[in-house]
Amino acid sequence: MRVMKDVAERISISVLGSLSVQSEAGTNLTPKGVKNQALLALLALSPGMTRPRRWVEDKLWSGFAPEQSSANLRQALTKVRAALGAWRDVLNADRTDLWLDAARLQVDVLEAPSLAAIKGTEILQGLDARDPEFEDWLRQERATWAARIEADTPRVSRGVLIACRTVSEDSARQQMMGDVLANQIGETVSEQVRAWRQSDGSDDETDLPRSDVTITSQIVADGADHALFLKAVHQATGRILYSKTQTIASLGEILNADERIAKTAFEAADQIVGKLPQILDGNRPEARATALSRQGLFRMFSFEQEALHEASDLMARAFEQDRNGLYLAWSSLIRLTQLMEMPEGDQRGLSEEAIALHHKAMELDADNGLIHAIVSKVRGTALGDPAGVLDYARVAVERNPVSAFAWKALAEGYMLAGRTEEAFVASARACKIARSSPFRHWWETGHCVISIAAGRPFDAIEAGEAAVRSAPFSRPAYRHLLALYAMDGQLEKARSVADRLAQIEPGFSLDRLVHDETYPVRTLRNTGLLEPIKLLI
């Protein structure tokens, strides 16, 4: 019985430092002889812990004839199995392949909680199998692991450097307006990723560091109007990240952040941020964090239960790479979405996490307007603080009047305060600014809800339909459209939407929609728009 228990235990192979093999009880199982140790090392670090016999023979006995190499391998297998004792069948072989039973052993470098934690430790220190092929393999293996460890090692984020430039041969007013617009775009980028704006001078001056991205704004008179040309370029490669030509009736449109200008600035920033992970050095923390957070946003805005869990994990990993308070703010919004969308087990726990995360986000980056916009939502939903919602939302708009996130926050603040018409106007503006965003459906769905609260059912239908065109799996938009179609007497459309919801939302039913007080359609319930749905039950 003792032997049966021992055989069921796992053994450990350590390749960090000198090679060693041990049982869980601490018994030394390391085989004697460098060739025998090298045999275990080759298999332990191979994909799937398996290799063809000929491959192993070539690495350990490359100078021997095939017959002698095969004999040497058979002898080595015998000696390694003898050293393993009761664990001898961890090492397996047939006529063509050799392999280790991965389920019954662990290799330290493969199970390290963090590769960065083992930085500076040499792989297979002192193991010299006296064969040039093995030496080449070991050299490549060490280089590969060194690169992986370096890539996993947290670095201090220096931030993306954005040069904001204006080209103007005319008036000082044009120069100033160009500077305003270029810096608005740079500010919107720096809300979403750690970044610094660089103004004045040019990249070829020796006293200025080279920027990562240059945003150039060019304004020229065009009759009674002005022609605007925007371009964002990755300086190291010359790749154009964004460009657009636009006619503006007056330079005041820029100063006042009119809707068309705000849309352009928000669109430019979104495209720049979306491309940063592709152009920056992948080892830079801000590049890795941006890639992770961008994935997290796509998962969050799907509103699916499993996707929300994935989004939470992605934002946590982004924060590990770069301690930017924005990723904590997004995490707090994810908790709220889980709280509202999918009544999960620990409602109180989710609410408390959302509150704690939003406080920490503000502690780290209180000057970030986007964080204020996100925190505004938390203040309303988790803390029931309508005054706080408006306060944070106003700060967000003041700091960045071209931000669709800020205007959505302000719209929700007005709605909580009962100022529905102002909420509608702010929400409509947010939707226009975010029209080209990949997450457009989030703004359109919010506008649908606010339109219902403002007594504008046909504006609500228009917004809901725009949301599902943008995101065909967006359950919140479908829920509201169902009620709106039923209210308008479009019962066939309402039934079609109900069928669609049954396909994309587990556990959906009309009865649950109407009678379950926890179902996330509070505005429909408060405005009496659930009543017409009863005609479909």
Protein backbone atom coordinates (compact mmCIF):
# COMPACT_ATOMS: atom_id res chain seq x y z
CA MET A 1 0.00 0.00 0.00
CA ARG A 2 2.94 2.35 0.74
CA VAL A 3 4.32 1.86 -2.74
CA MET A 4 0.90 2.53 -4.31
CA LYS A 5 0.69 5.81 -2.37
CA ASP A 6 4.18 6.86 -3.40
CA VAL A 7 3.52 6.11 -7.06
CA ALA A 8 0.40 8.30 -6.91
CA GLU A 9 2.47 11.25 -5.66
CA ARG A 10 3.97 13.80 -8.00
CA ILE A 11 7.68 14.33 -8.38
CA SER A 12 9.41 17.64 -9.00
CA ILE A 13 12.06 18.44 -11.58
CA SER A 14 14.00 21.61 -10.91
CA VAL A 15 15.81 23.16 -13.87
CA LEU A 16 16.44 26.51 -12.21
CA GLY A 17 20.05 26.33 -11.16
CA SER A 18 21.40 22.78 -11.10
CA LEU A 19 19.07 20.01 -12.24
CA SER A 20 17.48 18.03 -9.41
CA VAL A 21 14.60 15.58 -9.08
CA GLN A 22 12.70 15.06 -5.83
CA SER A 23 9.61 13.30 -4.52
CA GLU A 24 6.97 15.21 -2.55
CA ALA A 25 8.47 13.72 0.61
CA GLY A 26 11.87 15.16 -0.30
CA THR A 27 13.54 11.96 -1.53
CA ASN A 28 16.38 12.72 -3.93
CA LEU A 29 15.67 11.01 -7.26
CA THR A 30 18.29 12.82 -9.35
CA PRO A 31 20.04 10.35 -11.65
CA LYS A 32 23.83 10.25 -11.66
CA GLY A 33 25.71 11.10 -14.83
CA VAL A 34 25.38 14.23 -16.96
CA LYS A 35 23.96 12.36 -19.98
CA ASN A 36 21.19 10.87 -17.84
CA GLN A 37 20.39 14.26 -16.32
CA ALA A 38 20.48 15.88 -19.77
CA LEU A 39 17.98 13.28 -21.01
CA LEU A 40 15.49 14.35 -18.34
CA ALA A 41 16.14 18.03 -19.02
CA LEU A 42 15.53 17.62 -22.76
CA LEU A 43 12.16 16.01 -22.17
CA ALA A 44 11.07 18.25 -19.27
CA LEU A 45 11.52 21.40 -21.38
CA SER A 46 10.13 20.01 -24.64
CA PRO A 47 6.60 20.80 -25.92
CA GLY A 48 4.27 18.26 -24.36
CA MET A 49 7.30 16.73 -22.63
CA THR A 50 7.81 14.42 -25.59
CA ARG A 51 10.42 13.99 -28.33
CA PRO A 52 11.30 11.45 -31.04
CA ARG A 53 14.04 9.01 -30.01
CA ARG A 54 16.24 10.10 -32.91
CA TRP A 55 15.99 13.76 -31.85
CA VAL A 56 17.21 12.92 -28.32
CA GLU A 57 19.98 10.70 -29.66
CA ASP A 58 21.16 13.51 -31.93
CA LYS A 59 21.36 15.93 -29.00
CA LEU A 60 23.32 13.61 -26.69
CA TRP A 61 25.36 11.39 -29.00
CA SER A 62 25.65 13.38 -32.22
CA GLY A 63 29.13 12.03 -32.99
CA PHE A 64 28.11 8.36 -32.78
CA ALA A 65 26.75 6.02 -35.42
CA PRO A 66 22.97 5.45 -35.23
CA GLU A 67 23.31 1.95 -33.80
CA GLN A 68 25.61 3.12 -31.02
CA SER A 69 23.43 6.17 -30.28
CA SER A 70 20.39 3.90 -29.88
CA ALA A 71 22.31 1.61 -27.54
CA ASN A 72 23.48 4.58 -25.47
CA LEU A 73 19.91 5.85 -25.22
CA ARG A 74 18.60 2.47 -24.05
CA GLN A 75 21.29 2.37 -21.39
CA ALA A 76 20.48 5.92 -20.25
CA LEU A 77 16.77 5.10 -20.00
CA THR A 78 17.59 2.13 -17.78
CA LYS A 79 19.74 4.25 -15.45
CA VAL A 80 17.21 7.09 -15.21
CA ARG A 81 14.38 4.67 -14.40
CA ALA A 82 16.52 3.03 -11.75
CA ALA A 83 17.15 6.42 -10.15
CA LEU A 84 13.42 7.23 -10.20
CA GLY A 85 12.63 4.00 -8.36
CA ALA A 86 8.91 3.79 -7.57
CA TRP A 87 8.32 6.63 -10.05
CA ARG A 88 10.10 4.84 -12.92
CA ASP A 89 7.00 4.78 -15.12
CA VAL A 90 6.96 8.61 -15.24
CA LEU A 91 9.50 8.10 -18.04
CA ASN A 92 7.98 6.29 -21.02
CA ALA A 93 9.22 5.10 -24.40
CA ASP A 94 8.13 3.20 -27.44
CA ARG A 95 9.89 2.40 -30.72
CA THR A 96 9.73 5.99 -32.00
CA ASP A 97 9.19 8.41 -29.09
CA LEU A 98 10.15 9.26 -25.53
CA TRP A 99 7.92 11.17 -23.10
CA LEU A 100 7.33 12.11 -19.48
CA ASP A 101 3.98 11.71 -17.74
CA ALA A 102 3.17 15.41 -17.29
CA ALA A 103 0.28 14.66 -14.93
CA ARG A 104 2.65 13.09 -12.42
CA LEU A 105 5.43 15.66 -12.29
CA GLN A 106 5.98 19.39 -12.04
CA VAL A 107 8.79 21.46 -13.53
CA ASP A 108 9.67 24.54 -11.50
CA VAL A 109 10.15 26.95 -14.40
CA LEU A 110 6.82 25.91 -15.96
CA GLU A 111 4.86 26.44 -12.75
CA ALA A 112 6.50 29.62 -11.45
CA PRO A 113 3.77 32.11 -10.36
CA SER A 114 5.71 34.86 -12.13
CA LEU A 115 8.54 34.55 -14.61
CA ALA A 116 9.85 37.88 -13.37
CA ALA A 117 10.36 36.29 -9.95
CA ILE A 118 12.99 33.89 -11.32
CA LYS A 119 14.97 36.56 -13.16
CA GLY A 120 18.71 36.11 -12.73
CA THR A 121 18.57 32.33 -12.18
CA GLU A 122 20.33 30.33 -14.88
CA ILE A 123 18.59 27.37 -16.48
CA LEU A 124 20.41 24.04 -15.95
CA GLN A 125 23.46 25.61 -14.37
CA GLY A 126 26.62 23.52 -14.77
CA LEU A 127 25.01 20.84 -16.93
CA ASP A 128 27.60 19.93 -19.57
CA ALA A 129 26.64 16.87 -21.60
CA ARG A 130 29.82 17.20 -23.71
CA ASP A 131 28.02 17.27 -27.02
CA PRO A 132 27.92 20.33 -29.36
CA GLU A 133 24.29 19.63 -30.33
CA PHE A 134 23.23 19.63 -26.67
CA GLU A 135 25.22 22.81 -26.08
CA ASP A 136 23.42 24.51 -28.97
CA TRP A 137 20.06 23.38 -27.64
CA LEU A 138 20.90 24.57 -24.11
CA ARG A 139 22.13 27.93 -25.38
CA GLN A 140 18.91 28.48 -27.35
CA GLU A 141 16.78 27.31 -24.42
CA ARG A 142 18.47 29.73 -22.05
CA ALA A 143 18.04 32.58 -24.54
CA THR A 144 14.36 31.76 -25.00
CA TRP A 145 13.67 31.68 -21.28
CA ALA A 146 15.70 34.84 -20.71
CA ALA A 147 13.58 36.63 -23.33
CA ARG A 148 10.33 35.35 -21.79
CA ILE A 149 11.45 36.36 -18.30
CA GLU A 150 12.47 39.81 -19.52
CA ALA A 151 9.13 40.26 -21.28
CA ASP A 152 7.29 39.28 -18.09
CA THR A 153 9.33 41.54 -15.84
CA PRO A 154 7.37 44.62 -14.76
CA ARG A 155 8.95 47.85 -15.90
CA VAL A 156 8.39 51.41 -14.86
CA SER A 157 5.97 52.97 -17.31
CA ARG A 158 7.48 56.09 -18.84
CA GLY A 159 4.24 56.77 -20.68
CA VAL A 160 3.50 57.35 -24.34
CA LEU A 161 5.00 60.65 -25.50
CA ILE A 162 2.66 62.60 -27.77
CA ALA A 163 3.90 65.63 -29.67
CA CYS A 164 1.11 68.08 -30.48
CA ARG A 165 1.95 70.22 -33.52
CA THR A 166 0.21 72.93 -35.52
CA VAL A 167 1.01 73.99 -39.07
CA SER A 168 -0.30 77.45 -39.96
CA GLU A 169 0.99 80.16 -42.27
CA ASP A 170 -1.82 82.59 -41.53
CA SER A 171 -3.16 84.17 -38.36
CA ALA A 172 -2.15 83.62 -34.77
CA ARG A 173 -5.80 82.67 -34.16
CA GLN A 174 -5.48 79.74 -36.56
CA GLN A 175 -2.27 78.72 -34.80
CA MET A 176 -4.01 78.82 -31.43
CA MET A 177 -7.06 76.88 -32.64
CA GLY A 178 -4.81 74.24 -34.18
CA ASP A 179 -2.98 73.90 -30.87
CA VAL A 180 -6.28 73.60 -29.02
CA LEU A 181 -7.51 70.79 -31.25
CA ALA A 182 -4.25 68.82 -31.32
CA ASN A 183 -4.03 69.03 -27.54
CA GLN A 184 -7.66 67.97 -27.12
CA ILE A 185 -6.86 64.81 -29.05
CA GLY A 186 -3.70 64.29 -27.02
CA GLU A 187 -5.65 64.80 -23.79
CA THR A 188 -8.27 62.24 -24.85
CA VAL A 189 -5.52 59.71 -25.60
CA SER A 190 -3.84 60.38 -22.25
CA GLU A 191 -7.10 59.69 -20.44
CA GLN A 192 -7.10 56.14 -21.83
CA VAL A 193 -3.40 55.24 -21.57
CA ARG A 194 -0.52 56.64 -19.56
CA ALA A 195 0.76 59.38 -21.83
CA TRP A 196 2.43 62.78 -21.81
CA ARG A 197 1.82 65.58 -24.27
CA GLN A 198 4.85 67.27 -25.76
CA SER A 199 4.29 70.78 -27.08
CA ASP A 200 6.55 73.29 -28.86
CA GLY A 201 9.74 72.48 -30.70
CA SER A 202 10.22 69.57 -33.07
CA ASP A 203 11.43 66.00 -32.87
CA ASP A 204 14.79 66.76 -34.54
CA GLU A 205 15.90 69.09 -31.74
CA THR A 206 18.53 67.39 -29.62
CA ASP A 207 17.17 68.72 -26.32
CA LEU A 208 13.78 67.04 -26.76
CA PRO A 209 13.13 63.29 -26.48
CA ARG A 210 11.70 61.69 -29.58
CA SER A 211 7.94 61.36 -29.37
CA ASP A 212 6.08 58.10 -29.92
CA VAL A 213 3.18 59.77 -31.72
CA THR A 214 2.93 63.16 -33.39
CA ILE A 215 -0.50 64.75 -33.82
CA THR A 216 -0.47 67.52 -36.40
CA SER A 217 -3.29 69.99 -36.93
CA GLN A 218 -3.23 72.16 -40.04
CA ILE A 219 -5.78 74.94 -40.65
CA VAL A 220 -5.98 77.09 -43.78
CA ALA A 221 -8.54 79.63 -44.93
CA ASP A 222 -10.88 78.29 -47.60
CA GLY A 223 -13.04 81.16 -48.79
CA ALA A 224 -15.45 82.03 -46.02
CA ASP A 225 -14.71 78.69 -44.32
CA HIS A 226 -11.60 76.94 -43.06
CA ALA A 227 -10.11 73.63 -44.13
CA LEU A 228 -8.83 71.44 -41.32
CA PHE A 229 -6.36 68.57 -41.84
CA LEU A 230 -5.49 66.24 -38.96
CA LYS A 231 -2.82 63.57 -39.00
CA ALA A 232 -1.41 61.27 -36.30
CA VAL A 233 1.89 59.53 -37.10
CA HIS A 234 3.98 56.91 -35.30
CA GLN A 235 7.34 58.62 -35.36
CA ALA A 236 9.58 55.54 -35.30
CA THR A 237 8.04 53.98 -38.41
CA GLY A 238 6.20 56.85 -40.10
CA ARG A 239 2.95 54.89 -40.01
CA ILE A 240 -0.15 57.04 -40.24
CA LEU A 241 -2.47 56.16 -37.37
CA TYR A 242 -5.23 58.60 -38.26
CA SER A 243 -5.91 61.31 -40.84
CA LYS A 244 -8.94 63.38 -41.74
CA THR A 245 -9.85 66.48 -43.71
CA GLN A 246 -12.81 68.52 -42.53
CA THR A 247 -14.38 71.87 -43.40
CA ILE A 248 -15.35 74.14 -40.52
CA ALA A 249 -17.49 77.25 -40.83
CA SER A 250 -15.67 79.13 -38.10
CA LEU A 251 -12.69 78.68 -35.81
CA GLY A 252 -15.08 79.08 -32.90
CA GLU A 253 -16.24 75.50 -33.55
CA ILE A 254 -12.89 74.33 -32.20
CA LEU A 255 -12.86 76.65 -29.22
CA ASN A 256 -16.42 75.66 -28.29
CA ALA A 257 -15.85 71.93 -28.98
CA ASP A 258 -18.88 71.82 -31.27
CA GLU A 259 -20.31 68.36 -31.94
CA ARG A 260 -18.56 67.82 -35.30
CA ILE A 261 -15.19 68.84 -33.88
CA ALA A 262 -15.74 66.81 -30.72
CA LYS A 263 -16.63 63.76 -32.82
CA THR A 264 -13.45 64.13 -34.87
CA ALA A 265 -11.23 64.58 -31.80
CA PHE A 266 -12.81 61.61 -29.99
CA GLU A 267 -12.61 59.45 -33.12
CA ALA A 268 -8.93 60.35 -33.66
CA ALA A 269 -8.01 59.52 -30.07
CA ASP A 270 -9.90 56.22 -30.16
CA GLN A 271 -8.13 55.11 -33.33
CA ILE A 272 -4.73 56.10 -31.96
CA VAL A 273 -5.29 54.22 -28.68
CA GLY A 274 -6.57 51.17 -30.55
CA LYS A 275 -3.35 51.00 -32.61
CA LEU A 276 -0.83 51.69 -29.83
CA PRO A 277 -0.36 48.00 -28.87
CA GLN A 278 0.56 47.26 -32.50
CA ILE A 279 3.19 49.99 -32.86
CA LEU A 280 4.86 50.26 -29.44
CA ASP A 281 7.54 47.92 -28.15
CA GLY A 282 5.61 45.01 -26.65
CA ASN A 283 7.85 45.05 -23.57
CA ARG A 284 6.69 48.51 -22.57
CA PRO A 285 4.17 48.34 -19.68
CA GLU A 286 1.87 50.93 -21.26
CA ALA A 287 1.73 48.89 -24.48
CA ARG A 288 0.85 45.66 -22.71
CA ALA A 289 -1.61 47.36 -20.37
CA THR A 290 -3.35 49.11 -23.26
CA ALA A 291 -3.70 45.85 -25.18
CA LEU A 292 -5.18 44.08 -22.14
CA SER A 293 -7.55 46.90 -21.24
CA ARG A 294 -8.74 47.23 -24.82
CA GLN A 295 -9.62 43.53 -24.85
CA GLY A 296 -11.33 44.05 -21.51
CA LEU A 297 -13.52 46.82 -22.89
CA PHE A 298 -14.70 44.64 -25.77
CA ARG A 299 -15.59 41.90 -23.30
CA MET A 300 -17.27 44.30 -20.85
CA PHE A 301 -19.44 45.99 -23.45
CA SER A 302 -20.78 42.62 -24.59
CA PHE A 303 -22.67 42.44 -21.24
CA GLU A 304 -22.41 38.62 -21.24
CA GLN A 305 -21.86 36.95 -17.89
CA GLU A 306 -18.73 34.99 -18.77
CA ALA A 307 -17.34 37.91 -20.77
CA LEU A 308 -17.72 40.18 -17.73
CA HIS A 309 -15.60 37.79 -15.68
CA GLU A 310 -12.99 37.79 -18.45
CA ALA A 311 -13.09 41.60 -18.59
CA SER A 312 -12.45 41.76 -14.85
CA ASP A 313 -9.40 39.52 -15.21
CA LEU A 314 -8.05 41.51 -18.18
CA MET A 315 -8.34 44.82 -16.29
CA ALA A 316 -6.60 43.32 -13.26
CA ARG A 317 -3.75 42.16 -15.50
CA ALA A 318 -3.58 45.60 -17.14
CA PHE A 319 -3.19 47.17 -13.70
CA GLU A 320 -0.41 44.71 -12.86
CA GLN A 321 1.47 45.90 -15.94
CA ASP A 322 0.89 49.62 -15.37
CA ARG A 323 -0.57 50.98 -12.13
CA ASN A 324 -2.89 53.38 -13.90
CA GLY A 325 -5.99 54.27 -11.88
CA LEU A 326 -8.09 54.06 -15.06
CA TYR A 327 -7.93 50.26 -15.01
CA LEU A 328 -9.32 50.25 -11.46
CA ALA A 329 -12.09 52.61 -12.56
CA TRP A 330 -13.01 50.28 -15.43
CA SER A 331 -12.93 47.37 -12.95
CA SER A 332 -15.41 49.20 -10.73
CA LEU A 333 -17.72 49.68 -13.72
CA ILE A 334 -17.42 45.99 -14.55
CA ARG A 335 -18.55 45.13 -11.00
CA LEU A 336 -21.54 47.44 -11.41
CA THR A 337 -22.43 45.86 -14.74
CA GLN A 338 -22.30 42.42 -13.11
CA LEU A 339 -24.47 43.78 -10.31
CA MET A 340 -27.12 45.19 -12.65
CA GLU A 341 -27.01 42.84 -15.62
CA MET A 342 -26.62 39.46 -14.02
CA PRO A 343 -27.85 39.19 -10.43
CA GLU A 344 -24.99 37.06 -9.14
CA GLY A 345 -24.56 35.42 -5.76
CA ASP A 346 -22.74 38.10 -3.78
CA GLN A 347 -24.58 41.33 -4.64
CA ARG A 348 -23.26 43.14 -1.60
CA GLY A 349 -19.73 41.98 -2.30
CA LEU A 350 -19.86 43.30 -5.88
CA SER A 351 -21.14 46.65 -4.67
CA GLU A 352 -18.44 46.92 -2.01
CA GLU A 353 -15.75 46.00 -4.54
CA ALA A 354 -17.02 48.63 -6.98
CA ILE A 355 -16.90 51.30 -4.25
CA ALA A 356 -13.42 50.30 -3.07
CA LEU A 357 -12.06 50.25 -6.62
CA HIS A 358 -13.47 53.67 -7.46
CA HIS A 359 -11.90 55.18 -4.34
CA LYS A 360 -8.51 53.66 -5.21
CA ALA A 361 -8.79 54.89 -8.81
CA MET A 362 -9.33 58.45 -7.60
CA GLU A 363 -6.42 58.19 -5.17
CA LEU A 364 -4.08 57.19 -7.97
CA ASP A 365 -5.23 59.48 -10.80
CA ALA A 366 -7.62 62.17 -9.62
CA ASP A 367 -6.70 64.43 -12.56
CA ASN A 368 -8.02 62.01 -15.19
CA GLY A 369 -11.33 63.23 -16.61
CA LEU A 370 -12.31 59.77 -17.86
CA ILE A 371 -11.93 58.38 -14.34
CA HIS A 372 -14.30 61.10 -13.12
CA ALA A 373 -16.82 60.07 -15.78
CA ILE A 374 -16.65 56.39 -14.78
CA VAL A 375 -16.69 57.15 -11.04
CA SER A 376 -19.79 59.27 -11.61
CA LYS A 377 -21.66 56.09 -12.54
CA VAL A 378 -20.46 54.30 -9.41
CA ARG A 379 -21.60 57.18 -7.22
CA GLY A 380 -25.12 56.85 -8.58
CA THR A 381 -25.56 53.09 -8.70
CA ALA A 382 -23.53 51.81 -5.74
CA LEU A 383 -23.76 54.77 -3.37
CA GLY A 384 -27.10 56.38 -4.33
CA ASP A 385 -25.45 59.77 -4.50
CA PRO A 386 -27.16 61.85 -7.27
CA ALA A 387 -25.35 65.03 -6.23
CA GLY A 388 -22.02 63.21 -6.45
CA VAL A 389 -22.92 61.90 -9.90
CA LEU A 390 -23.46 65.42 -11.24
CA ASP A 391 -20.37 66.76 -9.48
CA TYR A 392 -18.02 64.17 -10.98
CA ALA A 393 -19.71 64.36 -14.39
CA ARG A 394 -19.34 68.12 -14.57
CA VAL A 395 -15.65 67.86 -13.75
CA ALA A 396 -15.28 65.27 -16.52
CA VAL A 397 -16.91 67.58 -19.09
CA GLU A 398 -14.92 70.61 -17.96
CA ARG A 399 -11.65 68.71 -18.28
CA ASN A 400 -12.47 67.19 -21.64
CA PRO A 401 -15.46 68.61 -23.53
CA VAL A 402 -14.81 66.29 -26.51
CA SER A 403 -15.23 63.13 -24.42
CA ALA A 404 -18.32 61.06 -25.18
CA PHE A 405 -17.80 59.31 -21.83
CA ALA A 406 -18.01 62.65 -20.01
CA TRP A 407 -21.22 63.72 -21.75
CA LYS A 408 -22.85 60.34 -21.07
CA ALA A 409 -21.97 60.73 -17.39
CA LEU A 410 -23.51 64.20 -17.36
CA ALA A 411 -26.66 62.91 -19.05
CA GLU A 412 -27.06 60.23 -16.39
CA GLY A 413 -26.46 62.82 -13.68
CA TYR A 414 -29.23 65.00 -15.06
CA MET A 415 -31.56 62.00 -15.28
CA LEU A 416 -30.98 61.08 -11.64
CA ALA A 417 -31.71 64.68 -10.71
CA GLY A 418 -35.02 64.52 -12.59
CA ARG A 419 -33.82 66.97 -15.25
CA THR A 420 -34.87 64.71 -18.10
CA GLU A 421 -34.79 67.23 -20.94
CA GLU A 422 -31.22 68.27 -20.11
CA ALA A 423 -30.38 64.58 -19.81
CA PHE A 424 -31.77 63.96 -23.29
CA VAL A 425 -29.74 66.81 -24.84
CA ALA A 426 -26.48 65.71 -23.16
CA SER A 427 -27.08 62.07 -24.11
CA ALA A 428 -27.81 62.96 -27.74
CA ARG A 429 -24.54 64.90 -27.85
CA ALA A 430 -22.65 61.93 -26.38
CA CYS A 431 -24.10 59.62 -29.06
CA LYS A 432 -23.07 61.96 -31.87
CA ILE A 433 -19.51 62.24 -30.51
CA ALA A 434 -19.23 58.44 -30.13
CA ARG A 435 -20.77 57.60 -33.50
CA SER A 436 -17.61 55.97 -34.85
CA SER A 437 -16.67 54.15 -31.61
CA PRO A 438 -16.58 50.34 -31.66
CA PHE A 439 -18.64 50.58 -28.47
CA ARG A 440 -21.24 52.88 -30.01
CA HIS A 441 -24.06 50.62 -28.83
CA TRP A 442 -23.27 51.51 -25.20
CA TRP A 443 -24.09 55.16 -25.82
CA GLU A 444 -27.11 54.35 -28.01
CA THR A 445 -28.55 51.99 -25.40
CA GLY A 446 -28.10 54.64 -22.72
CA HIS A 447 -29.79 57.19 -24.97
CA CYS A 448 -32.68 54.77 -25.50
CA VAL A 449 -33.20 54.55 -21.73
CA ILE A 450 -32.92 58.32 -21.22
CA SER A 451 -35.33 58.95 -24.10
CA ILE A 452 -37.87 56.68 -22.39
CA ALA A 453 -37.44 58.60 -19.12
CA ALA A 454 -37.84 61.88 -21.02
CA GLY A 455 -41.12 60.71 -22.58
CA ARG A 456 -39.66 60.42 -26.09
CA PRO A 457 -40.55 56.85 -27.11
CA PHE A 458 -39.84 57.30 -30.81
CA ASP A 459 -36.39 58.74 -30.14
CA ALA A 460 -35.93 55.73 -27.85
CA ILE A 461 -36.85 53.32 -30.66
CA GLU A 462 -34.42 55.05 -33.01
CA ALA A 463 -31.61 54.78 -30.46
CA GLY A 464 -32.41 51.16 -29.60
CA GLU A 465 -32.42 50.16 -33.25
CA ALA A 466 -29.07 51.91 -33.75
CA ALA A 467 -27.68 49.99 -30.78
CA VAL A 468 -28.66 46.54 -32.09
CA ARG A 469 -27.36 47.40 -35.56
CA SER A 470 -24.02 48.18 -33.98
CA ALA A 471 -24.07 45.19 -31.60
CA PRO A 472 -26.45 42.39 -32.68
CA PHE A 473 -25.95 40.56 -29.37
CA SER A 474 -26.67 43.56 -27.12
CA ARG A 475 -29.31 42.28 -24.72
CA PRO A 476 -30.03 45.60 -22.92
CA ALA A 477 -31.03 47.28 -26.20
CA TYR A 478 -33.31 44.40 -27.19
CA ARG A 479 -35.09 44.45 -23.81
CA HIS A 480 -36.06 48.08 -24.21
CA LEU A 481 -36.97 47.70 -27.87
CA LEU A 482 -39.34 44.86 -26.98
CA ALA A 483 -41.30 47.14 -24.62
CA LEU A 484 -41.20 50.06 -27.04
CA TYR A 485 -42.52 47.99 -29.95
CA ALA A 486 -45.30 46.60 -27.75
CA MET A 487 -46.20 50.11 -26.59
CA ASP A 488 -46.37 51.28 -30.22
CA GLY A 489 -48.60 48.36 -31.22
CA GLN A 490 -45.86 46.73 -33.33
CA LEU A 491 -46.57 43.33 -31.79
CA GLU A 492 -44.91 41.26 -34.51
CA LYS A 493 -41.69 43.19 -34.06
CA ALA A 494 -42.02 42.77 -30.31
CA ARG A 495 -42.45 38.98 -30.67
CA SER A 496 -39.44 38.85 -32.99
CA VAL A 497 -37.33 40.69 -30.40
CA ALA A 498 -38.57 38.32 -27.67
CA ASP A 499 -37.47 35.36 -29.80
CA ARG A 500 -34.08 37.00 -30.30
CA LEU A 501 -33.66 37.53 -26.56
CA ALA A 502 -34.53 33.89 -25.90
CA GLN A 503 -31.66 32.93 -28.22
CA ILE A 504 -28.98 35.19 -26.74
CA GLU A 505 -29.96 35.42 -23.06
CA PRO A 506 -30.05 32.24 -20.97
CA GLY A 507 -33.20 32.02 -18.85
CA PHE A 508 -35.07 34.80 -20.63
CA SER A 509 -38.87 34.77 -20.66
CA LEU A 510 -41.55 37.41 -21.07
CA ASP A 511 -42.95 36.47 -17.69
CA ARG A 512 -39.57 37.12 -16.06
CA LEU A 513 -39.22 40.44 -17.88
CA VAL A 514 -42.58 41.65 -16.61
CA HIS A 515 -42.76 40.18 -13.10
CA ASP A 516 -39.17 39.71 -11.85
CA GLU A 517 -38.36 42.84 -9.82
CA THR A 518 -34.61 42.13 -10.09
CA TYR A 519 -34.64 42.05 -13.89
CA PRO A 520 -32.57 45.05 -15.17
CA VAL A 521 -35.33 47.18 -16.74
CA ARG A 522 -35.92 49.72 -13.97
CA THR A 523 -36.78 52.61 -16.31
CA LEU A 524 -39.33 50.49 -18.19
CA ARG A 525 -40.89 49.47 -14.89
CA ASN A 526 -40.96 53.02 -13.52
CA THR A 527 -42.57 54.42 -16.69
CA GLY A 528 -45.22 51.69 -16.98
CA LEU A 529 -43.85 50.38 -20.28
CA LEU A 530 -43.87 46.78 -19.08
CA GLU A 531 -47.68 46.73 -19.16
CA PRO A 532 -48.04 46.49 -22.99
CA ILE A 533 -45.79 43.39 -22.94
CA LYS A 534 -48.52 41.50 -21.11
CA LEU A 535 -50.37 41.33 -24.43
CA LEU A 536 -47.64 38.97 -25.64
CA ILE A 537 -47.77 36.56 -22.70
